[in-house]
Each structure stands twice: as structure tokens, then as C-alpha cells.
Amino acid sequence: MSRRTAMQNISASPAEQSAIRKISLRLVPFVALMFFINFLDRTAISFAGPNGMNQDLGLSVIQYGLASGIFFIGYILLEVPSNLALHKFGARKWLARIMVSWGIVSLLFTWVSSIEGLYTLRFLLGIAEAGFFPGAILFLSLWVPARYRSKILSLFYLAQPLTIVIGAPLAAWLIGHDGLFGLSGWRVMFLGVSLPAIVVGLIAWFYLVDHPSQAKWLNADEKTWLVGELDRERVDVRRSPHHMGVRAAMLNGRVWMLCLIYFGFIYGLYALSFFLPTIIGGFQAQFGTTFTVFEKGLITAIPYLPAALALYLWSRDATRRGCRTWHIALPALTGAVSIPLAMAMGSPTATVAVVTITACSIFAALPNFWTLPTQFLTGASAAAAVALINTVGNVAGFSAGFITGALKDYTGTYAVPMMVVGALMLMSAVLMVALGTRRRVVDAAPLAATQQVLQGE
């Protein structure tokens, strides 16, 4: 019996059970809602582009791709400073500030009138959103002991695919209100998705609590257990013998292999997120089928509901068995084969079915991927490595938008850019096998264990 299994078999005290239940019901849904709004605002351009924005602003496919990807330049530049500010001012205030900031910038898209203005606002949106995702992960990690983080943060991560499941039909419904307030449908959509960020951000300022000791909704026994447990973990992390300097971690070959593995997954994620609505919009010319804007929104959502289920079940299996190499390499290989194949399908139904397999592959792998760094890094070195990996992922987000658009303009088809996606996901699969061979993955930390080291720094 593994150490983890033994720990899971220990009976939880009433205070422990009630504390975790309250956190699951009070904090996780609200932070997941924040993430839902975050990803919807980030990808709203994908719904606006093929539904009037590209035509109104005179955007070519490559210009649309650049507008999609330029977001990540601002995000990358401000990610580390934003995380440092979060430590200084507290997660509650800083996450609320981030939400209100990006909500205001997103609102300005309603009145954008030029290509240059679109580029500027996408860049500013990246600056405004910088630090939200790692900040949210860190915030939740500081609230629960390591053995509960897999459950808590897997539920949080579900917000990403569910954003498309719910957000795509919602965006399409808003776009259908063409003429409301004298605005084009795509402008109405930007108005509708930006206001919730401002409202929820203001609520977050008063709703969230930085530390369990400050939570009025925990009783004395729950606070005593939770604070004591988190303090013990902090001491254990500081005493860990597996130390590596920050500089050594940043130059470590294994860390850079993880960077490249993550690059392949994130490239695929954003290539789909930004261009799937446009691909679906092209079904009429390709297959002679006609869909309303709302029907296109529903079709866009189809791949992401199975992806959410795959994320949950695959992560649950990895938690039960311990994360193995194949929990990451197999989805990468499946995505590498499926996404180029999707462009060769002979009907909209077959295309969407194969794209669904790709979406399931990407989302099944991502939560399990984040269990890897802390298998050989701790302390400041792990924090630096996680930041580096996440930054490389954001570079992939920029590259996916720009390169996909450029290749579509050059070749006249999405077949070639989707082959690039397949090649990069194949790279992720090969590197993951190589990494697993070099150091066998027997038993991984939970999803957010990469973040537990941050609370001790």
C-alpha cells in the first residue's frame, strides 16, 4: 500500500470534514466562476471574428490571428510582477483588482473601430489579466492541505472547458441581438460578457478571505485544524532535502522538457479556442450546409462537454493510481493524430466528432501535467520552474493565433495549420515518454501540489 493510499484511509475528524466541505461549497464555485468569466473574456474574440467583427474592421485571417495572439505579449510581460504584487497586497484584493481591470478593458471592445485599436485593446487585456490564473491556483492551494488539492483544483479547472459549453451559446445568443442599443451583434456580445467581470470583481473584494484564520464562516475547531495542518505542511516543505537553486532550476534540462511538453498542449488548446468558431463558420462553403449564429454557437460548444467529463475522469484515475507517464503521453498522442484528421473529414458531423477527441485529449492531460514539477523540485526552485513553464505556455498562446492565421492565409485551408498543431502535440507525447523513461513517474502529487511550495516562500 502506497503512502498516499494509507493517508487516504485515515479517518477524517468532524472538524476536518466540515472545514473541507465549507471550502468546497463557499470558495471553489466562486473562484471557478471568476475563471469562467476570465476564459470567456479572453476568447470572446473567437466568437466576434466570424460573426461580423472581421468584416466590419476589415481583418484578414492573419490579422485576426495576430489580434488573438497579441493578448499573450502583455500577459507574459506582466505575469511575474503581478504575482509579486499578489503576495504584497493579498490574493483577495489583487484578484478583485485584476477582474475589474480586465472587465473595463473588455468593455471597450464594444466601441473598437480600427485594426490598430483592436490590437491595442487585446494587448491591454493581456496586461489586465496577467497573474489571474496562477493567482487563483495559489489562493485555493493556500486553503487546503495537499491531500485535498487534487479534488479542489480539479473542480476549479473544470471551469475552462465549461466556459465554451456555456459561453459559446451565450455569445451566440448575444450576437443575435443585432441592433440592441444601436450596436452590431458582435459589439453587443462584448458588452454582455464584460459587465459580469466588473460586477463579480467588486463582489470578490468583499466575499473572498485571504487566510483560513480570517474566515468568519469557519468555527473555532475548523480553524484550529486547518491552520495547524497548513502550518505543519509549510514546515515539512522548508525541511525537504531536495533543494535546487533557482538558477539551476531555470537551466535544468528536465524543466525545459516540461516547458516544451506544455507548449504543445497550450498551442493546441488556443488554436482550437480561437479558430474553431471560424472553422465551423466555413462549413457552408466546404459542405454546403447553413447554420444560424446560435446553431454555430451550439456546435462550437459540443467538443467541450465531453472534454470536461474526460478531464474529471482522467484526473480521478491519475489520482487513484498515481500519475503515470501514459496519463499525459497517451492524450498527447491521441490529439496529435486526431486534429489533422479532423480537417480531412467529409461532413460537419464527422469533423466535430474528431475535434471532440482532440479537445478531450488536451483537457485530460493538462491537470495531470501539473503534478510533474514537484516530483524533483521544491521551494523557490519549484516556484521558478512553474513560472517558467507557464510563461512558455503563454508564448504558445500567442504563437497559435498568429501562426494558424498566417498559414491559413498562405495556404487557403486550415489543414496545414492543424497539421502543425498535430506535430507539436506529437512532440509533447515523445518528450513525455522520454521524460518518463529518464525518471519513472510512479506516484505524483495532486493537481495543485506544484503550488504548495509557494506558500512557504
Protein backbone atom coordinates (compact mmCIF):
# COMPACT_ATOMS: atom_id res chain seq x y z
CA MET A 1 0.00 0.00 0.00
CA SER A 2 1.39 3.39 -1.00
CA ARG A 3 1.86 6.24 1.42
CA ARG A 4 -0.90 8.16 -0.32
CA THR A 5 -3.34 5.29 -0.06
CA ALA A 6 -2.55 4.92 3.61
CA MET A 7 -3.18 8.61 4.18
CA GLN A 8 -6.49 8.43 2.35
CA ASN A 9 -7.58 5.56 4.58
CA ILE A 10 -7.11 7.61 7.73
CA SER A 11 -10.47 8.69 9.11
CA ALA A 12 -11.02 12.41 8.91
CA SER A 13 -12.13 14.21 12.05
CA PRO A 14 -15.50 16.02 12.11
CA ALA A 15 -13.69 19.38 12.05
CA GLU A 16 -11.66 18.29 9.02
CA GLN A 17 -14.71 17.04 7.13
CA SER A 18 -16.78 20.14 7.82
CA ALA A 19 -13.91 22.54 7.01
CA ILE A 20 -13.23 20.94 3.62
CA ARG A 21 -16.95 20.81 2.86
CA LYS A 22 -17.37 24.52 3.62
CA ILE A 23 -14.37 25.43 1.48
CA SER A 24 -15.71 23.28 -1.37
CA LEU A 25 -19.10 24.94 -1.23
CA ARG A 26 -18.12 28.52 -0.45
CA LEU A 27 -14.80 29.21 -2.19
CA VAL A 28 -14.41 26.79 -5.10
CA PRO A 29 -17.62 27.67 -7.01
CA PHE A 30 -16.95 31.40 -6.68
CA VAL A 31 -13.32 31.19 -7.83
CA ALA A 32 -14.40 28.84 -10.63
CA LEU A 33 -16.96 31.48 -11.67
CA MET A 34 -14.13 34.02 -11.80
CA PHE A 35 -12.12 31.63 -14.02
CA PHE A 36 -15.20 31.04 -16.21
CA ILE A 37 -15.55 34.79 -16.84
CA ASN A 38 -11.79 35.09 -17.34
CA PHE A 39 -11.61 32.49 -20.11
CA LEU A 40 -14.81 33.76 -21.74
CA ASP A 41 -13.48 37.33 -21.97
CA ARG A 42 -10.12 36.06 -23.23
CA THR A 43 -11.71 34.02 -26.06
CA ALA A 44 -14.67 36.30 -26.86
CA ILE A 45 -12.79 37.46 -29.96
CA SER A 46 -13.19 33.95 -31.41
CA PHE A 47 -16.98 34.41 -31.46
CA ALA A 48 -16.86 38.02 -32.65
CA GLY A 49 -14.44 37.39 -35.54
CA PRO A 50 -16.56 35.25 -37.88
CA ASN A 51 -19.80 36.98 -36.84
CA GLY A 52 -19.22 40.48 -38.13
CA MET A 53 -16.07 41.85 -36.47
CA ASN A 54 -13.63 40.71 -39.16
CA GLN A 55 -15.84 42.18 -41.87
CA ASP A 56 -16.57 45.45 -40.04
CA LEU A 57 -12.91 46.08 -39.20
CA GLY A 58 -11.52 44.69 -42.46
CA LEU A 59 -9.46 41.94 -40.84
CA SER A 60 -7.69 39.25 -42.84
CA VAL A 61 -7.22 35.85 -41.23
CA ILE A 62 -3.60 36.64 -40.35
CA GLN A 63 -4.63 39.98 -38.80
CA TYR A 64 -7.31 38.20 -36.79
CA GLY A 65 -4.71 35.64 -35.68
CA LEU A 66 -2.35 38.43 -34.61
CA ALA A 67 -5.14 40.15 -32.68
CA SER A 68 -5.92 36.85 -30.93
CA GLY A 69 -2.31 36.18 -30.01
CA ILE A 70 -1.10 39.67 -29.09
CA PHE A 71 -3.01 39.27 -25.83
CA PHE A 72 -0.26 36.96 -24.60
CA ILE A 73 2.53 39.50 -25.09
CA GLY A 74 1.02 41.80 -22.47
CA TYR A 75 0.21 38.82 -20.27
CA ILE A 76 3.79 37.49 -20.36
CA LEU A 77 5.35 40.89 -19.65
CA LEU A 78 3.29 41.45 -16.51
CA GLU A 79 2.81 37.91 -15.17
CA VAL A 80 5.74 37.84 -12.72
CA PRO A 81 5.25 41.43 -11.44
CA SER A 82 1.55 40.68 -10.99
CA ASN A 83 2.30 37.58 -8.91
CA LEU A 84 4.71 39.57 -6.74
CA ALA A 85 2.02 42.20 -6.22
CA LEU A 86 -0.43 39.47 -5.22
CA HIS A 87 1.95 38.42 -2.43
CA LYS A 88 2.32 42.02 -1.31
CA PHE A 89 -1.32 43.13 -1.35
CA GLY A 90 -3.06 39.79 -0.72
CA ALA A 91 -4.89 37.46 -3.09
CA ARG A 92 -8.36 38.82 -2.25
CA LYS A 93 -7.58 42.42 -3.21
CA TRP A 94 -5.36 41.59 -6.15
CA LEU A 95 -7.69 39.05 -7.79
CA ALA A 96 -10.57 41.51 -7.41
CA ARG A 97 -8.44 44.28 -8.94
CA ILE A 98 -7.49 42.07 -11.87
CA MET A 99 -11.13 41.22 -12.61
CA VAL A 100 -12.33 44.82 -12.56
CA SER A 101 -9.37 45.89 -14.73
CA TRP A 102 -9.94 43.31 -17.43
CA GLY A 103 -13.70 43.92 -17.30
CA ILE A 104 -13.16 47.60 -18.09
CA VAL A 105 -10.77 46.82 -20.97
CA SER A 106 -13.12 44.16 -22.32
CA LEU A 107 -15.98 46.66 -22.22
CA LEU A 108 -14.01 48.99 -24.50
CA PHE A 109 -14.10 46.34 -27.26
CA THR A 110 -17.75 47.32 -27.67
CA TRP A 111 -16.67 50.53 -29.41
CA VAL A 112 -13.43 49.49 -31.15
CA SER A 113 -13.37 50.95 -34.67
CA SER A 114 -10.00 50.05 -36.22
CA ILE A 115 -7.47 47.25 -36.55
CA GLU A 116 -4.95 49.28 -34.56
CA GLY A 117 -7.49 49.82 -31.80
CA LEU A 118 -8.22 46.09 -31.69
CA TYR A 119 -4.51 45.27 -31.36
CA THR A 120 -4.13 47.84 -28.59
CA LEU A 121 -7.10 46.57 -26.59
CA ARG A 122 -6.01 42.92 -26.92
CA PHE A 123 -2.55 43.88 -25.65
CA LEU A 124 -4.07 45.83 -22.74
CA LEU A 125 -6.41 42.92 -21.95
CA GLY A 126 -3.36 40.67 -21.54
CA ILE A 127 -1.79 43.20 -19.16
CA ALA A 128 -5.05 43.46 -17.19
CA GLU A 129 -5.47 39.67 -16.87
CA ALA A 130 -1.80 38.97 -16.05
CA GLY A 131 -1.42 36.82 -12.96
CA PHE A 132 -5.05 35.77 -12.58
CA PHE A 133 -4.70 32.04 -13.30
CA PRO A 134 -1.61 31.33 -11.15
CA GLY A 135 -3.02 33.69 -8.52
CA ALA A 136 -6.29 31.77 -8.37
CA ILE A 137 -4.43 28.45 -8.17
CA LEU A 138 -2.25 29.80 -5.37
CA PHE A 139 -5.24 31.22 -3.49
CA LEU A 140 -7.06 27.87 -3.41
CA SER A 141 -3.83 26.00 -2.62
CA LEU A 142 -3.34 28.10 0.50
CA TRP A 143 -6.72 26.99 1.79
CA VAL A 144 -6.46 23.19 1.73
CA PRO A 145 -3.84 20.57 2.72
CA ALA A 146 -2.04 18.78 -0.11
CA ARG A 147 -4.15 15.63 0.03
CA TYR A 148 -7.29 17.63 -0.81
CA ARG A 149 -5.87 19.83 -3.56
CA SER A 150 -6.43 17.31 -6.35
CA LYS A 151 -10.16 17.32 -5.68
CA ILE A 152 -10.47 21.05 -5.06
CA LEU A 153 -8.41 22.21 -8.03
CA SER A 154 -9.70 19.65 -10.49
CA LEU A 155 -13.16 21.08 -9.86
CA PHE A 156 -11.74 24.57 -10.39
CA TYR A 157 -10.07 23.52 -13.66
CA LEU A 158 -13.41 22.24 -14.99
CA ALA A 159 -14.42 25.87 -15.49
CA GLN A 160 -12.20 26.11 -18.58
CA PRO A 161 -13.97 23.61 -20.89
CA LEU A 162 -17.35 24.51 -19.38
CA THR A 163 -16.70 28.12 -20.39
CA ILE A 164 -17.09 27.05 -24.03
CA VAL A 165 -20.01 24.71 -23.29
CA ILE A 166 -21.99 27.56 -21.73
CA GLY A 167 -20.18 30.55 -23.19
CA ALA A 168 -20.45 29.65 -26.89
CA PRO A 169 -24.27 29.50 -26.93
CA LEU A 170 -24.38 32.57 -24.66
CA ALA A 171 -22.09 34.52 -27.00
CA ALA A 172 -24.16 33.42 -30.00
CA TRP A 173 -27.37 34.49 -28.24
CA LEU A 174 -25.90 37.93 -27.54
CA ILE A 175 -24.65 38.26 -31.13
CA GLY A 176 -28.20 37.51 -32.24
CA HIS A 177 -29.34 40.78 -30.61
CA ASP A 178 -28.05 42.84 -33.52
CA GLY A 179 -29.20 46.45 -33.26
CA LEU A 180 -29.60 46.49 -29.47
CA PHE A 181 -28.53 49.93 -28.20
CA GLY A 182 -27.70 50.72 -31.82
CA LEU A 183 -24.79 48.21 -31.77
CA SER A 184 -23.82 45.41 -34.11
CA GLY A 185 -24.37 41.91 -32.70
CA TRP A 186 -20.69 41.24 -32.02
CA ARG A 187 -20.45 44.53 -30.12
CA VAL A 188 -23.48 43.55 -28.03
CA MET A 189 -21.63 40.32 -27.23
CA PHE A 190 -18.57 42.18 -25.92
CA LEU A 191 -20.84 44.39 -23.82
CA GLY A 192 -22.63 41.38 -22.37
CA VAL A 193 -19.56 39.34 -21.43
CA SER A 194 -17.54 42.23 -19.96
CA LEU A 195 -20.01 43.57 -17.41
CA PRO A 196 -20.02 40.36 -15.28
CA ALA A 197 -16.25 40.68 -14.78
CA ILE A 198 -16.66 44.14 -13.26
CA VAL A 199 -19.59 43.10 -11.05
CA VAL A 200 -18.01 39.82 -9.83
CA GLY A 201 -14.69 41.58 -9.27
CA LEU A 202 -16.34 44.09 -6.96
CA ILE A 203 -18.11 41.26 -5.11
CA ALA A 204 -14.81 39.36 -4.77
CA TRP A 205 -13.29 42.26 -2.84
CA PHE A 206 -15.80 41.65 -0.02
CA TYR A 207 -16.51 37.92 -0.50
CA LEU A 208 -13.05 36.33 -0.56
CA VAL A 209 -10.86 35.89 2.52
CA ASP A 210 -7.07 35.67 2.31
CA HIS A 211 -6.45 33.13 5.08
CA PRO A 212 -8.48 30.50 6.97
CA SER A 213 -7.80 32.26 10.27
CA GLN A 214 -9.81 35.24 8.97
CA ALA A 215 -12.85 33.24 7.80
CA LYS A 216 -15.92 34.03 9.91
CA TRP A 217 -17.76 31.10 8.32
CA LEU A 218 -15.35 28.57 9.91
CA ASN A 219 -15.90 27.71 13.56
CA ALA A 220 -13.07 27.55 16.12
CA ASP A 221 -12.45 23.79 15.75
CA GLU A 222 -12.33 24.02 11.95
CA LYS A 223 -9.88 26.94 12.08
CA THR A 224 -7.65 25.17 14.59
CA TRP A 225 -7.44 22.00 12.48
CA LEU A 226 -6.96 23.79 9.15
CA VAL A 227 -4.38 26.34 10.29
CA GLY A 228 -2.43 23.65 12.17
CA GLU A 229 -2.42 21.31 9.18
CA LEU A 230 -1.26 24.02 6.77
CA ASP A 231 1.47 25.17 9.20
CA ARG A 232 2.78 21.60 9.50
CA GLU A 233 2.95 21.26 5.72
CA ARG A 234 4.81 24.55 5.44
CA VAL A 235 7.45 23.33 7.91
CA ASP A 236 7.81 20.00 6.09
CA VAL A 237 8.38 21.76 2.77
CA ARG A 238 11.05 24.00 4.25
CA ARG A 239 12.85 20.98 5.70
CA SER A 240 12.78 18.98 2.47
CA PRO A 241 16.30 17.81 1.47
CA HIS A 242 15.53 18.06 -2.28
CA HIS A 243 16.68 21.59 -2.87
CA MET A 244 17.86 23.13 -6.11
CA GLY A 245 18.78 26.75 -6.60
CA VAL A 246 16.54 28.99 -8.66
CA ARG A 247 19.19 29.49 -11.33
CA ALA A 248 19.86 25.74 -11.52
CA ALA A 249 16.15 25.04 -11.88
CA MET A 250 15.79 27.58 -14.68
CA LEU A 251 18.65 25.89 -16.57
CA ASN A 252 17.61 22.32 -15.73
CA GLY A 253 17.08 20.11 -18.79
CA ARG A 254 14.09 18.34 -17.27
CA VAL A 255 12.38 21.67 -16.60
CA TRP A 256 12.86 22.70 -20.21
CA MET A 257 11.44 19.38 -21.37
CA LEU A 258 8.34 20.19 -19.31
CA CYS A 259 8.25 23.64 -20.93
CA LEU A 260 8.19 22.08 -24.40
CA ILE A 261 5.59 19.48 -23.41
CA TYR A 262 3.34 22.23 -22.06
CA PHE A 263 3.97 24.36 -25.16
CA GLY A 264 2.50 21.63 -27.37
CA PHE A 265 -0.65 21.30 -25.29
CA ILE A 266 -1.29 25.03 -24.95
CA TYR A 267 -0.66 25.62 -28.65
CA GLY A 268 -3.35 23.05 -29.41
CA LEU A 269 -5.73 24.49 -26.80
CA TYR A 270 -5.64 28.02 -28.19
CA ALA A 271 -5.57 27.02 -31.84
CA LEU A 272 -8.90 25.31 -31.17
CA SER A 273 -10.28 28.06 -28.92
CA PHE A 274 -9.54 30.90 -31.35
CA PHE A 275 -10.29 29.20 -34.68
CA LEU A 276 -12.94 26.51 -34.08
CA PRO A 277 -15.83 29.03 -34.48
CA THR A 278 -14.23 30.22 -37.74
CA ILE A 279 -13.79 26.64 -38.96
CA ILE A 280 -17.44 25.94 -38.18
CA GLY A 281 -18.40 29.16 -39.98
CA GLY A 282 -16.70 27.74 -43.08
CA PHE A 283 -18.88 24.63 -43.16
CA GLN A 284 -21.29 26.37 -45.56
CA ALA A 285 -18.64 26.86 -48.23
CA GLN A 286 -17.00 23.49 -47.54
CA PHE A 287 -20.04 21.23 -47.21
CA GLY A 288 -22.93 23.36 -48.44
CA THR A 289 -24.61 23.43 -45.01
CA THR A 290 -26.13 26.54 -43.44
CA PHE A 291 -26.34 27.24 -39.71
CA THR A 292 -27.72 30.20 -37.78
CA VAL A 293 -25.41 32.12 -35.47
CA PHE A 294 -26.96 30.38 -32.44
CA GLU A 295 -26.59 26.96 -34.06
CA LYS A 296 -22.92 27.72 -34.72
CA GLY A 297 -22.56 28.57 -31.04
CA LEU A 298 -24.09 25.24 -30.04
CA ILE A 299 -21.82 23.35 -32.44
CA THR A 300 -18.77 25.16 -31.04
CA ALA A 301 -19.78 24.00 -27.54
CA ILE A 302 -20.15 20.33 -28.50
CA PRO A 303 -16.50 19.24 -28.10
CA TYR A 304 -16.08 20.82 -24.68
CA LEU A 305 -18.76 18.97 -22.70
CA PRO A 306 -17.12 15.57 -23.32
CA ALA A 307 -13.78 17.32 -22.68
CA ALA A 308 -14.96 18.37 -19.22
CA LEU A 309 -16.01 14.80 -18.48
CA ALA A 310 -12.70 13.45 -19.78
CA LEU A 311 -10.79 15.93 -17.60
CA TYR A 312 -12.65 14.81 -14.48
CA LEU A 313 -12.47 11.05 -15.09
CA TRP A 314 -8.85 11.01 -16.33
CA SER A 315 -7.68 13.13 -13.39
CA ARG A 316 -9.61 10.92 -10.99
CA ASP A 317 -7.87 7.83 -12.40
CA ALA A 318 -4.48 9.54 -12.14
CA THR A 319 -5.18 10.47 -8.53
CA ARG A 320 -6.21 6.89 -7.72
CA ARG A 321 -3.28 5.16 -9.46
CA GLY A 322 -0.69 7.87 -9.10
CA CYS A 323 0.06 9.90 -12.20
CA ARG A 324 1.93 7.77 -14.75
CA THR A 325 3.71 8.73 -17.94
CA TRP A 326 0.84 7.45 -20.07
CA HIS A 327 -1.67 9.72 -18.28
CA ILE A 328 -0.02 12.56 -20.21
CA ALA A 329 1.66 10.92 -23.22
CA LEU A 330 -1.43 8.99 -24.39
CA PRO A 331 -3.71 12.05 -24.60
CA ALA A 332 -0.92 13.96 -26.39
CA LEU A 333 -0.56 11.18 -28.97
CA THR A 334 -4.34 10.98 -29.44
CA GLY A 335 -4.56 14.72 -30.02
CA ALA A 336 -1.61 14.62 -32.42
CA VAL A 337 -3.42 12.12 -34.64
CA SER A 338 -6.96 13.45 -34.34
CA ILE A 339 -6.62 17.17 -35.08
CA PRO A 340 -5.07 16.86 -38.58
CA LEU A 341 -7.55 14.06 -39.29
CA ALA A 342 -10.47 16.37 -38.46
CA MET A 343 -9.68 18.59 -41.46
CA ALA A 344 -9.95 15.56 -43.78
CA MET A 345 -13.47 14.59 -42.70
CA GLY A 346 -16.28 14.67 -45.27
CA SER A 347 -19.07 16.17 -43.19
CA PRO A 348 -19.66 18.68 -40.38
CA THR A 349 -20.69 15.85 -38.03
CA ALA A 350 -17.51 13.85 -38.61
CA THR A 351 -15.34 16.98 -38.32
CA VAL A 352 -16.84 17.99 -34.98
CA ALA A 353 -16.63 14.39 -33.71
CA VAL A 354 -12.89 14.21 -34.37
CA VAL A 355 -12.32 17.73 -32.97
CA THR A 356 -14.10 16.50 -29.83
CA ILE A 357 -11.48 13.76 -29.46
CA THR A 358 -8.76 16.42 -29.66
CA ALA A 359 -10.44 18.60 -27.03
CA CYS A 360 -10.80 15.59 -24.72
CA SER A 361 -7.12 14.78 -25.19
CA ILE A 362 -5.90 18.27 -24.32
CA PHE A 363 -8.06 18.72 -21.24
CA ALA A 364 -7.41 15.19 -19.95
CA ALA A 365 -3.67 15.81 -19.97
CA LEU A 366 -3.36 19.34 -18.58
CA PRO A 367 -4.32 18.77 -14.90
CA ASN A 368 -2.06 15.72 -14.68
CA PHE A 369 0.82 17.57 -16.31
CA TRP A 370 0.98 19.99 -13.38
CA THR A 371 1.77 17.15 -10.98
CA LEU A 372 5.21 16.68 -12.55
CA PRO A 373 7.47 19.59 -11.44
CA THR A 374 7.27 18.85 -7.72
CA GLN A 375 8.46 15.30 -8.21
CA PHE A 376 12.01 16.68 -8.42
CA LEU A 377 11.78 20.33 -7.32
CA THR A 378 10.86 22.06 -4.08
CA GLY A 379 10.88 25.53 -2.59
CA ALA A 380 11.88 28.55 -4.62
CA SER A 381 13.24 26.34 -7.41
CA ALA A 382 9.81 24.78 -7.95
CA ALA A 383 8.15 28.21 -7.89
CA ALA A 384 10.63 29.48 -10.51
CA ALA A 385 10.16 26.39 -12.68
CA VAL A 386 6.36 26.60 -12.57
CA ALA A 387 6.54 30.28 -13.55
CA LEU A 388 8.88 29.45 -16.44
CA ILE A 389 6.64 26.63 -17.69
CA ASN A 390 3.54 28.82 -17.51
CA THR A 391 5.33 31.63 -19.36
CA VAL A 392 6.34 29.27 -22.18
CA GLY A 393 2.70 28.16 -22.34
CA ASN A 394 1.63 31.77 -22.84
CA VAL A 395 4.17 32.08 -25.67
CA ALA A 396 2.35 29.12 -27.24
CA GLY A 397 -0.93 31.02 -26.88
CA PHE A 398 0.48 33.90 -28.92
CA SER A 399 2.10 31.61 -31.48
CA ALA A 400 -1.07 29.56 -32.01
CA GLY A 401 -3.14 32.58 -33.01
CA PHE A 402 -0.55 34.19 -35.28
CA ILE A 403 0.85 31.06 -36.97
CA THR A 404 -2.57 29.49 -37.54
CA GLY A 405 -3.85 32.68 -39.16
CA ALA A 406 -0.70 33.13 -41.27
CA LEU A 407 -0.75 29.56 -42.56
CA LYS A 408 -4.47 29.77 -43.34
CA ASP A 409 -3.89 32.96 -45.35
CA TYR A 410 -0.92 31.41 -47.17
CA THR A 411 -2.45 28.01 -47.98
CA GLY A 412 -6.14 28.89 -48.14
CA THR A 413 -7.04 25.99 -45.84
CA TYR A 414 -6.93 25.03 -42.17
CA ALA A 415 -5.44 21.62 -43.00
CA VAL A 416 -1.82 22.81 -42.81
CA PRO A 417 -2.11 24.82 -39.56
CA MET A 418 -3.90 21.88 -37.91
CA MET A 419 -1.03 19.62 -39.03
CA VAL A 420 1.28 21.98 -37.14
CA VAL A 421 -0.92 21.50 -34.06
CA GLY A 422 -0.63 17.74 -34.53
CA ALA A 423 3.13 17.90 -34.87
CA LEU A 424 3.53 19.94 -31.68
CA MET A 425 1.28 17.60 -29.71
CA LEU A 426 3.30 14.67 -31.06
CA MET A 427 6.38 16.47 -29.74
CA SER A 428 4.70 16.63 -26.34
CA ALA A 429 3.98 12.90 -26.42
CA VAL A 430 7.54 11.95 -27.41
CA LEU A 431 9.13 14.22 -24.82
CA MET A 432 6.80 12.91 -22.13
CA VAL A 433 7.83 9.32 -22.91
CA ALA A 434 11.47 10.39 -22.86
CA LEU A 435 10.98 12.13 -19.52
CA GLY A 436 9.18 9.09 -18.11
CA THR A 437 11.96 6.81 -19.25
CA ARG A 438 14.55 9.05 -17.66
CA ARG A 439 12.74 9.16 -14.36
CA ARG A 440 9.78 6.82 -13.94
CA VAL A 441 6.64 8.54 -12.74
CA VAL A 442 5.31 6.26 -10.01
CA ASP A 443 3.32 8.45 -7.68
CA ALA A 444 2.55 12.10 -8.29
CA ALA A 445 1.37 14.88 -6.06
CA PRO A 446 -2.19 16.15 -6.55
CA LEU A 447 -3.08 18.60 -9.30
CA ALA A 448 -2.07 21.72 -7.40
CA ALA A 449 0.88 20.28 -5.49
CA THR A 450 3.11 22.32 -7.76
CA GLN A 451 1.78 25.32 -5.90
CA GLN A 452 2.16 24.08 -2.32
CA VAL A 453 5.80 25.18 -2.25
CA LEU A 454 4.76 28.77 -2.87
CA GLN A 455 3.04 29.13 0.47
CA GLY A 456 6.34 28.60 2.28
CA GLU A 457 8.26 31.28 0.38
